[in-house]
Amino acid sequence: MKLRILLLLGSACAALVAFALASPRVIAADTVDPATDAKAFQNFFFQKFPGVKHEDFVNGPYSMNEDMKRQWLEKEEFPPYEFALDAGKEMFATPFKNGKTYADCFPNGGIGIRQNYPYFDSKEGKVVTLELALNRCREANGEAPYSYVKDEMASLTAYMAFTSRGKKMDIKIPDDPRAREAFENGKRYFYTRRGQLNFSCASCHVQSPGERIRAEVLAPALGILNAMPIYRSEWSGMGTISRRFITCNSQTRAVPLEPQADEYRDVEYFLSYVANGLPISGPGARP
C-alpha cells in the first residue's frame, strides 16, 4: 500500500506539471482570469474521463465506477442523510428567541440559494460561505454560533442544499481585484503540497480520482463541493465542507486550519467557481 501511494505521488507530479493550473505562483490580481481557469479545469476532467457525463461529476467516486454507482442508487432509496434533512428543515423553520428565523437572513427566504454560495462580499473584502452566513445570521439574532464541524451546521446546510437540488452552481467573481485575488489564493492553496505526506488537494482529486488510497475511492475535484454536506460511513454521520477540509489536512498529516479560515474560504470559492454550470446534488453520501 505504501508503494502504491508513492507511485501515485510520483505520477501526480508529472501530470500536474502538464496541467496548466498545477503550478501555484504569485500572480497580480489584474492578470487573473478565472473564466479561462474554469474552462481549462473542466476540460481537463472531461478529456480525462470522456465516458462520464458532465453532470455526473458531482456524484464523486460514484461517477468513476459503475458498480459503486449502482450501490449508490440503491442507497438513495433510503438515504443515510435523511435524518439530517428532517432535522435541518425543523431547525430552519424554528424561530429564534426574537421571533425571527433563518429565512429573514437570506434572499428568497433561504430556499433554493445554495448554488450562489460562497460569494465575495465587496464591503468586507472577503469570501462569505454558506456556513459562515448561517452563523452570522444566528449571532445577528442573539443566538450562539454553531460549530462548523458538528451535526447542527451539517443539518442546516443539508436542508438548504436539498432545496437547491438540480440548480446549477452559479458563483460570481465581481470586477474587484480582491475577489480575483481570493480566487487565485484558493487555487494556490489547492495545488500547494503540505504535511508529512507532501500531498496537495490536487494530488488526490486531480491526478487520481477513481483510485483507492487505503479504503477510500478518491473523488474528482470537479463538482466535489456540489454534493456537500455529505454522510460518510467512516464518520457515521454528516460532515460539512469545513469538516471535509480539516479531515483532508489531517489525512496528509498537515496541521489543519481553524474552520472558516481565509484559506479554507478561498479554496471553497475556487472549487465552487470552477464547478459553475454543474448541478447541486447535496446532500450526498460517501463510503
Protein backbone atom coordinates (compact mmCIF):
# COMPACT_ATOMS: atom_id res chain seq x y z
CA MET A 1 0.00 0.00 0.00
CA LYS A 2 2.86 2.37 0.82
CA LEU A 3 4.42 1.60 -2.55
CA ARG A 4 1.12 2.34 -4.29
CA ILE A 5 0.84 5.70 -2.57
CA LEU A 6 4.43 6.57 -3.53
CA LEU A 7 3.74 5.64 -7.14
CA LEU A 8 0.63 7.81 -7.14
CA LEU A 9 2.66 10.69 -5.80
CA GLY A 10 5.34 10.22 -8.44
CA SER A 11 2.91 10.14 -11.32
CA ALA A 12 0.99 13.05 -9.82
CA CYS A 13 4.00 15.29 -10.22
CA ALA A 14 4.22 14.73 -13.97
CA ALA A 15 0.50 15.11 -14.53
CA LEU A 16 0.22 18.29 -12.52
CA VAL A 17 3.10 19.88 -14.38
CA ALA A 18 1.30 19.08 -17.62
CA PHE A 19 -1.88 20.67 -16.32
CA ALA A 20 -1.73 24.43 -16.74
CA LEU A 21 -3.26 25.19 -13.37
CA ALA A 22 -0.96 22.98 -11.40
CA SER A 23 1.90 25.39 -10.75
CA PRO A 24 0.92 27.67 -7.88
CA ARG A 25 2.55 31.01 -8.29
CA VAL A 26 2.09 34.58 -7.22
CA ILE A 27 0.13 36.47 -9.89
CA ALA A 28 -1.05 40.05 -9.83
CA ALA A 29 -4.81 40.19 -9.31
CA ASP A 30 -5.34 42.12 -12.55
CA THR A 31 -3.83 39.24 -14.57
CA VAL A 32 -6.01 36.51 -13.03
CA ASP A 33 -8.57 35.11 -15.47
CA PRO A 34 -10.99 32.90 -13.52
CA ALA A 35 -13.19 32.15 -16.56
CA THR A 36 -10.23 30.77 -18.52
CA ASP A 37 -9.09 28.78 -15.49
CA ALA A 38 -12.56 27.30 -15.01
CA LYS A 39 -12.81 26.28 -18.66
CA ALA A 40 -9.38 24.63 -18.54
CA PHE A 41 -10.22 22.89 -15.26
CA GLN A 42 -13.47 21.44 -16.58
CA ASN A 43 -11.95 20.43 -19.93
CA PHE A 44 -9.17 18.57 -18.12
CA PHE A 45 -11.71 16.31 -16.42
CA PHE A 46 -13.97 15.99 -19.45
CA GLN A 47 -10.98 14.79 -21.50
CA LYS A 48 -9.56 12.58 -18.75
CA PHE A 49 -12.92 10.84 -18.26
CA PRO A 50 -14.70 11.02 -21.65
CA GLY A 51 -17.19 8.35 -20.61
CA VAL A 52 -18.55 10.33 -17.66
CA LYS A 53 -21.49 12.62 -18.32
CA HIS A 54 -20.59 16.16 -17.36
CA GLU A 55 -23.37 16.45 -14.79
CA ASP A 56 -22.32 13.16 -13.17
CA PHE A 57 -19.04 14.53 -11.83
CA VAL A 58 -20.99 15.93 -8.87
CA ASN A 59 -21.57 12.34 -7.75
CA GLY A 60 -17.94 11.99 -6.74
CA PRO A 61 -16.48 8.47 -6.74
CA TYR A 62 -19.80 7.04 -7.93
CA SER A 63 -19.24 8.73 -11.29
CA MET A 64 -15.98 6.78 -11.66
CA ASN A 65 -17.26 3.26 -11.06
CA GLU A 66 -20.45 1.62 -12.38
CA ASP A 67 -20.69 -0.92 -9.55
CA MET A 68 -20.39 1.83 -6.95
CA LYS A 69 -22.94 3.90 -8.84
CA ARG A 70 -25.49 1.07 -8.71
CA GLN A 71 -24.91 0.66 -4.99
CA TRP A 72 -25.34 4.39 -4.50
CA LEU A 73 -28.60 4.50 -6.46
CA GLU A 74 -29.95 1.69 -4.31
CA LYS A 75 -28.85 3.55 -1.19
CA GLU A 76 -30.63 6.69 -2.38
CA GLU A 77 -33.97 4.91 -1.94
CA PHE A 78 -33.36 5.11 1.82
CA PRO A 79 -30.65 7.78 2.05
CA PRO A 80 -28.49 7.80 5.19
CA TYR A 81 -28.67 11.59 5.31
CA GLU A 82 -32.46 11.67 5.63
CA PHE A 83 -32.27 12.23 9.38
CA ALA A 84 -30.18 15.35 8.77
CA LEU A 85 -32.68 16.66 6.22
CA ASP A 86 -35.54 16.31 8.69
CA ALA A 87 -33.55 17.94 11.47
CA GLY A 88 -32.34 20.76 9.22
CA LYS A 89 -35.83 21.54 7.96
CA GLU A 90 -37.15 21.80 11.51
CA MET A 91 -34.21 23.92 12.66
CA PHE A 92 -34.57 26.24 9.68
CA ALA A 93 -38.23 26.92 10.46
CA THR A 94 -37.87 27.23 14.25
CA PRO A 95 -37.93 30.91 15.34
CA PHE A 96 -35.05 32.42 17.27
CA LYS A 97 -35.80 33.89 20.67
CA ASN A 98 -36.55 37.24 18.99
CA GLY A 99 -39.17 35.63 16.74
CA LYS A 100 -37.17 35.80 13.52
CA THR A 101 -35.91 32.78 11.56
CA TYR A 102 -33.08 31.95 9.15
CA ALA A 103 -35.41 32.93 6.31
CA ASP A 104 -35.09 36.56 7.41
CA CYS A 105 -31.34 36.49 6.74
CA PHE A 106 -31.27 35.20 3.17
CA PRO A 107 -32.60 36.06 -0.28
CA ASN A 108 -35.72 34.12 -1.24
CA GLY A 109 -36.18 33.12 2.37
CA GLY A 110 -33.10 30.89 2.13
CA ILE A 111 -34.82 28.44 -0.22
CA GLY A 112 -33.08 27.41 -3.44
CA ILE A 113 -29.99 29.59 -2.96
CA ARG A 114 -27.22 27.08 -2.21
CA GLN A 115 -25.84 27.43 -5.76
CA ASN A 116 -24.93 31.06 -5.08
CA TYR A 117 -22.56 30.30 -2.19
CA PRO A 118 -19.86 31.16 -1.47
CA TYR A 119 -19.87 34.75 -2.67
CA PHE A 120 -17.41 37.61 -2.44
CA ASP A 121 -18.52 40.39 -0.12
CA SER A 122 -17.15 43.62 -1.59
CA LYS A 123 -17.81 45.57 1.61
CA GLU A 124 -15.88 43.12 3.76
CA GLY A 125 -13.36 42.28 1.06
CA LYS A 126 -13.60 38.56 1.78
CA VAL A 127 -15.38 35.39 0.75
CA VAL A 128 -18.57 34.52 2.62
CA THR A 129 -19.54 30.85 2.71
CA LEU A 130 -22.98 29.46 3.47
CA GLU A 131 -21.75 28.05 6.78
CA LEU A 132 -20.36 31.44 7.77
CA ALA A 133 -23.55 33.21 6.67
CA LEU A 134 -25.66 30.87 8.81
CA ASN A 135 -23.62 31.58 11.93
CA ARG A 136 -23.67 35.31 11.24
CA CYS A 137 -27.45 35.06 10.98
CA ARG A 138 -27.58 33.35 14.35
CA GLU A 139 -25.33 35.92 16.02
CA ALA A 140 -27.25 38.84 14.47
CA ASN A 141 -30.38 37.44 16.10
CA GLY A 142 -28.87 36.92 19.53
CA GLU A 143 -28.09 33.21 19.18
CA ALA A 144 -24.78 31.45 19.82
CA PRO A 145 -22.96 30.25 16.70
CA TYR A 146 -22.87 26.56 15.87
CA SER A 147 -19.70 24.53 15.49
CA TYR A 148 -18.68 24.38 11.84
CA VAL A 149 -17.93 20.68 12.07
CA LYS A 150 -20.87 19.34 14.09
CA ASP A 151 -24.32 17.98 13.30
CA GLU A 152 -26.31 21.21 13.64
CA MET A 153 -24.42 23.01 10.87
CA ALA A 154 -24.41 19.88 8.71
CA SER A 155 -28.18 19.52 9.09
CA LEU A 156 -28.91 23.15 8.22
CA THR A 157 -26.71 23.12 5.14
CA ALA A 158 -28.12 19.72 4.11
CA TYR A 159 -31.64 21.13 4.08
CA MET A 160 -30.59 24.26 2.19
CA ALA A 161 -28.69 22.17 -0.36
CA PHE A 162 -31.69 19.91 -0.82
CA THR A 163 -33.88 22.90 -1.71
CA SER A 164 -31.39 23.72 -4.48
CA ARG A 165 -31.01 20.24 -5.97
CA GLY A 166 -30.66 20.38 -9.72
CA LYS A 167 -29.88 24.09 -9.80
CA LYS A 168 -26.57 24.85 -11.50
CA MET A 169 -23.68 26.23 -9.49
CA ASP A 170 -23.57 29.95 -10.21
CA ILE A 171 -20.67 31.60 -8.40
CA LYS A 172 -19.80 35.17 -9.33
CA ILE A 173 -16.42 36.85 -9.27
CA PRO A 174 -17.09 40.60 -9.29
CA ASP A 175 -14.89 43.10 -11.05
CA ASP A 176 -12.84 43.61 -7.93
CA PRO A 177 -9.13 42.80 -7.68
CA ARG A 178 -9.69 41.48 -4.17
CA ALA A 179 -12.17 38.92 -5.49
CA ARG A 180 -9.74 37.77 -8.16
CA GLU A 181 -7.04 37.58 -5.51
CA ALA A 182 -9.28 35.40 -3.31
CA PHE A 183 -9.87 33.08 -6.28
CA GLU A 184 -6.13 32.90 -7.00
CA ASN A 185 -5.33 32.31 -3.32
CA GLY A 186 -7.82 29.44 -3.28
CA LYS A 187 -6.27 27.94 -6.39
CA ARG A 188 -2.80 28.27 -4.90
CA TYR A 189 -3.90 26.55 -1.69
CA PHE A 190 -5.46 23.73 -3.72
CA TYR A 191 -2.22 22.99 -5.59
CA THR A 192 0.26 23.53 -2.75
CA ARG A 193 1.77 20.42 -1.20
CA ARG A 194 1.77 20.23 2.59
CA GLY A 195 2.06 17.87 5.51
CA GLN A 196 4.38 14.96 6.17
CA LEU A 197 2.99 13.10 3.15
CA ASN A 198 3.68 16.11 0.90
CA PHE A 199 0.23 15.90 -0.69
CA SER A 200 -1.74 18.72 -2.23
CA CYS A 201 -5.50 18.62 -2.69
CA ALA A 202 -4.75 18.08 -6.39
CA SER A 203 -2.55 15.06 -5.73
CA CYS A 204 -5.66 13.05 -4.93
CA HIS A 205 -8.50 14.86 -6.63
CA VAL A 206 -6.90 15.88 -9.94
CA GLN A 207 -4.34 13.18 -10.57
CA SER A 208 -6.03 10.15 -9.02
CA PRO A 209 -9.85 10.30 -8.95
CA GLY A 210 -11.29 6.79 -9.06
CA GLU A 211 -8.13 5.35 -7.48
CA ARG A 212 -8.06 3.95 -3.98
CA ILE A 213 -5.93 5.17 -1.11
CA ARG A 214 -6.49 2.85 1.80
CA ALA A 215 -10.23 2.11 1.73
CA GLU A 216 -11.25 5.41 0.13
CA VAL A 217 -12.12 5.86 -3.53
CA LEU A 218 -10.93 9.32 -4.48
CA ALA A 219 -13.47 11.79 -5.87
CA PRO A 220 -12.74 14.12 -8.78
CA ALA A 221 -12.16 17.75 -7.78
CA LEU A 222 -14.66 18.89 -10.39
CA GLY A 223 -18.04 19.20 -8.65
CA ILE A 224 -16.66 17.90 -5.36
CA LEU A 225 -18.48 20.58 -3.32
CA ASN A 226 -21.77 20.33 -5.21
CA ALA A 227 -22.75 17.30 -3.12
CA MET A 228 -21.88 18.82 0.24
CA PRO A 229 -22.63 18.28 3.03
CA ILE A 230 -22.17 14.53 2.91
CA TYR A 231 -22.84 11.48 5.01
CA ARG A 232 -19.67 9.40 5.32
CA SER A 233 -19.63 5.87 6.65
CA GLU A 234 -16.29 6.48 8.37
CA TRP A 235 -17.86 9.37 10.28
CA SER A 236 -21.14 7.54 10.95
CA GLY A 237 -22.76 10.88 10.34
CA MET A 238 -22.86 14.07 8.34
CA GLY A 239 -19.93 16.30 7.53
CA THR A 240 -19.79 19.95 6.47
CA ILE A 241 -17.38 21.46 3.97
CA SER A 242 -15.36 22.72 6.94
CA ARG A 243 -15.12 19.21 8.34
CA ARG A 244 -14.02 17.85 4.98
CA PHE A 245 -11.22 20.41 4.58
CA ILE A 246 -9.96 19.75 8.10
CA THR A 247 -10.09 15.97 7.56
CA CYS A 248 -8.14 16.27 4.31
CA ASN A 249 -5.42 18.27 6.04
CA SER A 250 -5.24 15.69 8.83
CA GLN A 251 -5.03 12.81 6.35
CA THR A 252 -1.94 14.36 4.75
CA ARG A 253 -0.51 14.82 8.25
CA ALA A 254 -0.66 18.58 7.90
CA VAL A 255 -1.79 20.95 10.61
CA PRO A 256 -5.45 21.83 9.93
CA LEU A 257 -6.50 25.46 9.94
CA GLU A 258 -9.32 26.86 12.01
CA PRO A 259 -12.76 26.34 10.43
CA GLN A 260 -13.62 29.23 8.10
CA ALA A 261 -10.04 30.44 7.96
CA ASP A 262 -9.45 32.70 4.95
CA GLU A 263 -7.57 29.92 3.16
CA TYR A 264 -10.46 27.48 3.52
CA ARG A 265 -12.96 30.09 2.38
CA ASP A 266 -10.81 30.94 -0.63
CA VAL A 267 -10.33 27.32 -1.70
CA GLU A 268 -14.10 26.83 -1.40
CA TYR A 269 -14.52 29.88 -3.65
CA PHE A 270 -12.11 28.42 -6.20
CA LEU A 271 -13.61 24.92 -6.24
CA SER A 272 -17.15 26.26 -6.42
CA TYR A 273 -16.41 28.69 -9.25
CA VAL A 274 -14.71 26.07 -11.43
CA ALA A 275 -17.82 23.89 -10.95
CA ASN A 276 -20.12 26.56 -12.39
CA GLY A 277 -22.77 25.01 -14.62
CA LEU A 278 -22.83 21.68 -12.78
CA PRO A 279 -25.90 20.87 -10.67
CA ILE A 280 -26.19 20.95 -6.92
CA SER A 281 -26.63 17.35 -5.75
CA GLY A 282 -26.32 17.72 -2.00
CA PRO A 283 -26.71 16.40 0.50
CA GLY A 284 -24.71 13.39 -0.56
CA ALA A 285 -23.40 10.12 0.81
CA ARG A 286 -19.96 8.59 0.50
CA PRO A 287 -18.41 5.30 1.65
